[in-house]
Amino acid sequence: MSEPTPYASTPTGAPVAKWNVLSIVSLVTSILWLSLIGIVTGHIALSQIKKTGEQGNVLAIIGLVLGYLGLLGAIIVAFLVIGSLAVGSSITGY
C-alpha cells in the first residue's frame, strides 16, 4: 500500500475572468448623471474588452445607454429652458 504524496494536487475551480474597471466606471458615472464621462469610458471599455476578453461587456453597454439617455435629457431640458426664457422675455418686453 502506497502512502499519499505530501504534495498531492488539489482540484481548483475554473479561472475567474477579470472585470474591466472602465465598464464599472461607465455604469456608475452614467447613473450619477455624469453622462459624458459614462459615454467615453463605456466606449473605451468595449474596445478593451474586445482585446482582452475581460468581463463587463453588459455593464459598459448599460453605461453607454444610460449616458446617451442622460445626454439627450440634458439637451431637451436646455432647449426647454432657453425656449421658456425666450418666450418669457418676449412677453414682458425685455
Protein backbone atom coordinates (compact mmCIF):
# COMPACT_ATOMS: atom_id res chain seq x y z
CA MET A 1 0.00 0.00 0.00
CA SER A 2 1.46 3.34 -1.03
CA GLU A 3 1.37 6.43 1.09
CA PRO A 4 -0.22 9.60 -0.26
CA THR A 5 2.27 12.13 -1.50
CA PRO A 6 2.55 15.20 0.69
CA TYR A 7 2.27 17.47 -2.34
CA ALA A 8 -0.79 16.00 -3.97
CA SER A 9 -2.51 18.40 -6.31
CA THR A 10 -5.80 19.77 -5.15
CA PRO A 11 -8.57 20.42 -7.63
CA THR A 12 -9.05 24.05 -8.47
CA GLY A 13 -12.11 25.80 -9.78
CA ALA A 14 -12.41 27.45 -13.13
CA PRO A 15 -10.29 30.56 -13.53
CA VAL A 16 -12.19 33.72 -12.76
CA ALA A 17 -12.16 36.29 -15.52
CA LYS A 18 -11.24 39.82 -14.52
CA TRP A 19 -13.74 42.64 -14.69
CA ASN A 20 -12.96 45.64 -16.82
CA VAL A 21 -12.73 48.61 -14.47
CA LEU A 22 -13.82 51.16 -17.07
CA SER A 23 -17.08 49.29 -17.66
CA ILE A 24 -17.87 49.69 -13.97
CA VAL A 25 -16.84 53.36 -14.10
CA SER A 26 -19.08 53.86 -17.13
CA LEU A 27 -22.09 52.41 -15.37
CA VAL A 28 -21.54 54.31 -12.12
CA THR A 29 -20.89 57.68 -13.77
CA SER A 30 -23.92 57.31 -16.02
CA ILE A 31 -26.11 56.54 -13.00
CA LEU A 32 -24.71 59.66 -11.31
CA TRP A 33 -25.70 61.77 -14.39
CA LEU A 34 -22.10 62.32 -15.47
CA SER A 35 -23.15 61.34 -18.96
CA LEU A 36 -20.10 62.41 -20.97
CA ILE A 37 -17.74 60.52 -18.68
CA GLY A 38 -20.00 57.47 -18.85
CA ILE A 39 -20.10 57.58 -22.64
CA VAL A 40 -16.34 57.98 -23.09
CA THR A 41 -15.43 55.29 -20.55
CA GLY A 42 -18.08 52.96 -21.98
CA HIS A 43 -16.61 53.13 -25.47
CA ILE A 44 -13.07 52.67 -24.17
CA ALA A 45 -14.23 49.72 -22.04
CA LEU A 46 -15.87 47.99 -25.00
CA SER A 47 -12.67 48.39 -27.01
CA GLN A 48 -10.56 46.97 -24.17
CA ILE A 49 -12.97 44.07 -23.59
CA LYS A 50 -12.69 43.05 -27.25
CA LYS A 51 -8.90 42.94 -26.95
CA THR A 52 -8.53 41.36 -23.50
CA GLY A 53 -11.63 39.18 -23.14
CA GLU A 54 -12.44 40.61 -19.71
CA GLN A 55 -15.92 40.63 -18.25
CA GLY A 56 -18.05 43.76 -18.19
CA ASN A 57 -19.49 43.94 -21.70
CA VAL A 58 -23.05 44.29 -20.40
CA LEU A 59 -22.04 46.89 -17.82
CA ALA A 60 -20.36 49.00 -20.49
CA ILE A 61 -23.41 48.79 -22.77
CA ILE A 62 -25.77 49.75 -19.95
CA GLY A 63 -23.44 52.62 -19.06
CA LEU A 64 -23.49 53.79 -22.68
CA VAL A 65 -27.28 53.60 -22.95
CA LEU A 66 -27.78 55.50 -19.69
CA GLY A 67 -25.10 58.01 -20.69
CA TYR A 68 -26.71 58.73 -24.06
CA LEU A 69 -30.18 58.96 -22.47
CA GLY A 70 -28.83 61.37 -19.86
CA LEU A 71 -27.17 63.48 -22.55
CA LEU A 72 -30.37 63.53 -24.59
CA GLY A 73 -32.36 64.52 -21.50
CA ALA A 74 -29.92 67.35 -20.73
CA ILE A 75 -30.22 68.66 -24.29
CA ILE A 76 -34.03 68.58 -24.12
CA VAL A 77 -34.02 70.40 -20.76
CA ALA A 78 -31.59 73.00 -22.14
CA PHE A 79 -33.88 73.66 -25.12
CA LEU A 80 -36.91 73.93 -22.85
CA VAL A 81 -35.15 76.37 -20.53
CA ILE A 82 -33.86 78.50 -23.40
CA GLY A 83 -37.28 78.41 -25.06
CA SER A 84 -39.09 79.41 -21.89
CA LEU A 85 -36.64 82.25 -21.30
CA ALA A 86 -37.15 83.49 -24.86
CA VAL A 87 -40.93 83.33 -24.55
CA GLY A 88 -40.85 84.93 -21.11
CA SER A 89 -38.68 87.82 -22.25
CA SER A 90 -40.84 88.47 -25.31
CA ILE A 91 -43.99 88.61 -23.17
CA THR A 92 -42.56 91.03 -20.61
CA GLY A 93 -40.89 93.18 -23.28
CA TYR A 94 -37.32 92.94 -22.05
